[in-house]
Protein backbone atom coordinates (compact mmCIF):
# COMPACT_ATOMS: atom_id res chain seq x y z
CA MET A 1 221.84 145.98 178.65
CA GLY A 2 225.25 145.70 180.66
CA GLN A 3 225.61 147.29 184.74
CA GLU A 4 225.37 150.65 186.34
CA ASN A 5 228.90 149.41 188.67
CA GLY A 6 230.48 146.94 186.30
CA ARG A 7 233.63 147.55 184.33
CA ASP A 8 234.24 150.69 182.04
CA GLU A 9 232.89 147.43 179.06
CA GLU A 10 229.10 147.06 180.57
CA GLN A 11 228.88 150.92 180.24
CA PRO A 12 226.27 152.68 179.30
CA VAL A 13 223.22 150.90 180.95
CA HIS A 14 220.85 150.96 177.74
CA ARG A 15 217.96 149.42 176.45
CA VAL A 16 217.51 147.55 173.10
CA ALA A 17 215.17 145.57 171.53
CA VAL A 18 215.82 141.82 170.31
CA ALA A 19 213.83 140.33 167.47
CA PRO A 20 212.04 137.05 168.58
CA PHE A 21 214.76 134.34 168.55
CA ARG A 22 215.46 130.36 169.47
CA LEU A 23 218.02 129.48 171.47
CA CYS A 24 219.49 126.17 172.51
CA ARG A 25 219.52 125.32 176.19
CA PHE A 26 222.24 123.79 176.29
CA GLN A 27 225.68 124.34 175.04
CA VAL A 28 226.90 122.14 172.20
CA THR A 29 228.19 118.89 172.94
CA ASN A 30 231.06 116.74 172.26
CA ARG A 31 229.42 113.76 171.13
CA GLU A 32 227.17 116.82 168.74
CA PHE A 33 230.55 118.76 167.70
CA ALA A 34 232.14 115.82 166.88
CA ALA A 35 228.88 114.58 164.12
CA PHE A 36 230.12 118.25 162.53
CA ARG A 37 234.10 117.02 162.99
CA LYS A 38 235.47 114.09 164.03
CA PHE A 39 237.38 114.14 167.32
CA ALA A 40 238.28 111.59 170.00
CA PHE A 41 236.67 112.23 173.80
CA GLU A 42 236.01 110.92 176.77
CA CYS A 43 232.46 112.24 177.83
CA ALA A 44 230.04 112.15 175.55
CA THR A 45 227.67 114.88 177.24
CA LEU A 46 230.66 117.62 178.40
CA PRO A 47 230.17 121.37 175.93
CA ALA A 48 233.07 120.90 172.97
CA THR A 49 235.89 123.22 173.98
CA SER A 50 238.68 123.77 172.18
CA VAL A 51 236.99 125.08 169.32
CA ASN A 52 237.10 129.01 167.91
CA TRP A 53 234.79 131.27 166.92
CA PHE A 54 236.09 130.05 162.50
CA ASP A 55 235.39 126.63 163.82
CA ALA A 56 231.85 127.39 165.49
CA VAL A 57 230.91 129.41 162.95
CA GLU A 58 231.11 126.19 160.54
CA TYR A 59 230.03 124.46 162.77
CA CYS A 60 226.14 126.26 162.63
CA ARG A 61 227.04 126.63 158.76
CA TRP A 62 226.74 122.61 158.75
CA LEU A 63 223.74 122.11 161.12
CA SER A 64 222.23 124.38 159.41
CA ALA A 65 221.91 122.56 156.61
CA GLU A 66 221.70 119.47 158.65
CA TRP A 67 217.79 120.95 160.23
CA GLY A 68 217.13 122.97 157.01
CA ARG A 69 217.00 126.27 158.34
CA GLU A 70 219.60 128.46 159.89
CA VAL A 71 221.62 128.43 162.21
CA ARG A 72 224.21 130.94 163.70
CA LEU A 73 225.57 132.15 166.91
CA PRO A 74 223.88 134.19 168.62
CA THR A 75 224.26 137.99 168.77
CA GLU A 76 225.73 139.61 172.50
CA ALA A 77 222.52 140.76 172.61
CA GLU A 78 220.55 138.25 172.03
CA TRP A 79 223.07 136.50 174.34
CA GLU A 80 222.36 139.17 177.19
CA PHE A 81 218.27 138.38 177.20
CA ALA A 82 218.61 135.00 177.81
CA ALA A 83 220.88 135.13 180.17
CA ARG A 84 218.43 137.50 182.61
CA GLY A 85 216.19 134.67 181.17
CA GLY A 86 213.03 137.14 182.45
CA LEU A 87 215.06 139.11 185.30
CA GLU A 88 216.33 142.40 184.41
CA GLN A 89 218.82 144.28 185.97
CA LYS A 90 219.77 141.35 188.05
CA LEU A 91 223.34 140.22 188.62
CA TYR A 92 223.23 136.41 187.59
CA PRO A 93 220.34 134.71 186.02
CA TRP A 94 218.88 133.59 189.10
CA GLY A 95 219.47 136.90 190.87
CA ASP A 96 221.77 138.91 192.70
CA GLU A 97 223.05 135.91 195.44
CA PRO A 98 225.95 135.29 194.75
CA VAL A 99 228.04 132.57 192.98
CA THR A 100 229.21 130.22 196.39
CA SER A 101 224.79 130.00 196.66
CA ARG A 102 225.09 127.83 192.93
CA ALA A 103 224.30 124.27 195.26
CA GLY A 104 228.35 122.39 195.30
CA TYR A 105 229.75 125.37 194.23
CA ALA A 106 233.17 124.33 195.59
CA GLU A 107 233.80 121.23 194.56
CA ARG A 108 233.03 122.16 190.74
CA TRP A 109 234.77 122.55 187.62
CA ILE A 110 238.06 121.83 189.71
CA ASP A 111 240.16 120.54 186.71
CA GLY A 112 237.13 120.87 183.87
CA PRO A 113 234.64 121.23 182.71
CA GLU A 114 231.33 119.64 183.60
CA PRO A 115 228.23 117.48 181.86
CA VAL A 116 226.03 119.69 180.09
CA GLY A 117 222.72 120.77 182.17
CA LYS A 118 224.44 120.04 186.03
CA SER A 119 223.12 123.56 187.26
CA GLU A 120 219.24 124.53 187.61
CA PRO A 121 217.88 126.48 184.44
CA ASN A 122 216.93 130.08 184.11
CA GLY A 123 213.84 131.40 183.50
CA TYR A 124 213.95 130.96 180.01
CA GLY A 125 214.63 126.87 180.67
CA LEU A 126 218.54 126.97 179.37
CA PHE A 127 221.09 125.67 180.73
CA ASP A 128 224.61 126.98 182.10
CA MET A 129 224.14 130.44 181.37
CA CYS A 130 226.72 132.59 182.93
CA GLU A 131 229.08 129.01 183.93
CA ASN A 132 230.43 126.31 183.06
CA VAL A 133 232.35 127.30 179.56
CA HIS A 134 232.70 130.54 177.65
CA GLU A 135 230.28 130.92 174.95
CA TRP A 136 231.49 132.05 171.24
CA CYS A 137 228.63 135.00 170.20
CA SER A 138 228.63 136.68 166.68
CA ASP A 139 229.49 140.26 167.04
CA TRP A 140 233.29 141.73 166.54
CA TYR A 141 233.98 143.23 169.61
CA ASP A 142 234.60 147.08 171.00
CA PRO A 143 234.22 147.68 174.34
CA ARG A 144 232.86 151.50 173.73
CA TYR A 145 230.52 150.03 171.62
CA TYR A 146 227.51 150.60 173.75
CA ASP A 147 228.42 154.13 173.48
CA VAL A 148 226.38 154.02 169.97
CA SER A 149 224.91 150.80 169.83
CA PRO A 150 221.28 150.61 168.59
CA VAL A 151 217.99 150.19 170.49
CA GLU A 152 217.41 147.99 167.31
CA ASN A 153 218.69 144.22 167.19
CA PRO A 154 222.33 144.77 167.61
CA ARG A 155 224.80 143.61 166.42
CA GLY A 156 228.02 144.81 166.79
CA PRO A 157 230.40 147.03 165.08
CA GLU A 158 231.50 145.93 161.22
CA SER A 159 234.83 144.85 161.70
CA GLY A 160 237.17 144.69 164.43
CA THR A 161 240.42 142.39 165.93
CA ARG A 162 238.66 140.25 168.61
CA ARG A 163 235.12 138.21 168.61
CA ALA A 164 232.94 138.83 171.61
CA SER A 165 232.70 135.96 174.30
CA ARG A 166 229.95 135.80 176.71
CA GLY A 167 229.71 133.56 180.61
CA GLY A 168 231.84 132.51 183.01
CA ALA A 169 234.69 129.29 182.16
CA TRP A 170 235.88 126.53 184.60
CA ARG A 171 239.32 127.76 184.49
CA HIS A 172 238.41 131.36 185.88
CA HIS A 173 238.90 132.46 189.91
CA ILE A 174 234.89 132.66 189.77
CA LYS A 175 233.46 130.37 187.95
CA ILE A 176 229.92 132.36 187.18
CA ALA A 177 229.92 135.46 185.57
CA ARG A 178 227.22 137.85 185.87
CA CYS A 179 224.84 137.97 182.68
CA ALA A 180 226.48 141.82 182.39
CA ALA A 181 229.75 140.60 181.78
CA ARG A 182 231.87 140.98 178.57
CA SER A 183 234.48 139.00 177.13
CA SER A 184 236.81 138.56 173.91
CA ILE A 185 239.81 137.01 172.02
CA PRO A 186 241.22 137.39 168.54
CA PRO A 187 238.95 134.47 166.53
CA GLU A 188 242.07 132.33 165.69
CA PHE A 189 242.31 131.63 168.71
CA ARG A 190 240.87 127.64 170.69
CA TYR A 191 241.20 128.09 174.48
CA ALA A 192 240.02 124.32 176.76
CA ASP A 193 236.68 126.85 177.97
CA TYR A 194 236.07 127.91 174.96
CA GLY A 195 232.73 126.20 173.93
CA LEU A 196 229.10 127.61 171.68
CA ARG A 197 224.90 127.38 171.80
CA VAL A 198 223.47 127.47 168.67
CA ALA A 199 220.32 130.19 168.33
CA ALA A 200 218.29 130.18 165.07
CA GLY A 201 215.28 133.40 164.28
CA ALA A 202 212.67 132.18 165.79
């Protein structure tokens, strides 16, 4: 995890082990979230946004009951493992080529997110990792957590004031984030570029 020449909160680079898990191939869409909480939307396949951390957790609880198996938000460690798609210490899910190498990059994400799955998937078959909308993680956020992170299944600090999130977003000047990039906001905040992707045990 992390990046040697990245931001302070991405250091030190360290190796962790995560137990086997599953991660949804796509960000949760408007259609899927509306089955849990009714709201009006124009495009069913756009990612559900303006979802705060508590909304995301409640959605996971509801989906767990619907599916008959535990569904949850991924940890930061799980998310970064998944985003890398098997490429160790590369900047992006596809390697080190700049974000402008993404097909049609200059014409994308002008006024909002795009329907999920428009970009090529990464090496694990996961779509939109590091792009489209930020994705909530289960962890509390601490910029110095990597100094004390355990090797096995790190799950973030015990408490905090902000929840971790990962991935790039359509509102940013640079639309695609590096795999190691970390972000966070207070869990009660709702933003138009925040969504979620669900995880489960293997």
